[in-house]
Amino acid sequence: MTHNTVLALCSFASYVVVGAVQANSRQGCGAVPPEVDAWQKQTWPLQNGTGAPKISHAVYINLDSSHARRQWMDEQLSLLQRSTDGFTFERLSAVPAANVKHDANFSEFRARGLSTVAYPSMSVAPWPTAACQYSHETIIEQVAARSKDMESSNELWLILEDDAIVPADLQDRWNRMWPFVPEDWDIVRLGWFGSHCSNFRINKFWDVAQWSDPPPSGPCYYCGVQGYMVNPARADRILERLRRSKVYLIDALLGAPTPPGENETEVPRLAVFAAQPKLIKQNESFHSDRIVETTRALPKVTIPHFEIL
């Protein structure tokens, strides 16, 4: 691999479950914690009269060298913009792995140390993985800085990777799923891939995102962060988790359980939920590990099939 081919790595190379049949299984999920049991026993939908927050803005992460992915995201987000009043979007230039590894500006981030978890291991592509985390963390920091304004206007930001498939009627779908989101939520993951845990389903639209990837070869549960939203009121809590943890896979860090290798007291569980069915899917025509990047022309953007909610 050359320097240019591994600038960032948001979908880890060891995740071989992409495109595979998603297992409905309890293997690798673990026991159900008390808060999950309480959500499962709750009456749904919630009757609090609060309307769904507006998805007012999207930020997608994209390497400067990934021209085809940028074209893909710009075209479909432009479609979403035309169908959603007041919606805006922007591109975040993904930080190069070499910068994170060497530049003095990233010394504080590097000081956290890289995770030494044996599987999935950071040894395959440590600095691209770290660069991916840094890019995501940068956007979450922006949400935290704007949290008061976002809360007062009842708005959310959508954080995307550049292989996301985003439906033009995303807001309408979100409106229907919102009454089934627990009030104390931290993150809602609208797009993800891999296996899921039947015993972590809390209602007809949401699972608790019980990330795991058991050795020696998975499968990975609730992998990927193709699209998600952070609760502005709890963005600082999410940043605290990231800063207290070793640098690791971003989907593990943004999952519900304490990330592998971390202390549960210092880095407690988060209230993270994965959409069922997914509102955002993964464009599998792009290589998920980004080892091979292409500038081939993309076909005209079309909205793929999504389940009827």
Foldseek 3Di string as FASTA:
>chain_A
DDQVLLQAFQFAPLQPCVPPDADAAAVFQDDDDPVLVVLQPDDPLDDPPDFAFAQQEEEEEDAPPQQQLVVQVVQQVVLLPVLDPNHYYYYDHQGTLVCCVDPPVNVLVCVLPADCDPPVGCVVPVSNQLSNQVSVLVVLVVLLVCLVVCVVRRYWYKYAYSQKFADSCLRVVSRVCVSSQDPQAFKEQLEFDHYEYPSQDRDQWKGQQSFDADPDRGNTGRHDRRIMIGNNVCSVVLSQLSSNHHRDNVRQSPHQQNRPPDDCVSRPGGRYIYTVVHNMYGNVVAPNRSSDHDPDHDPNDDRDDDDDD
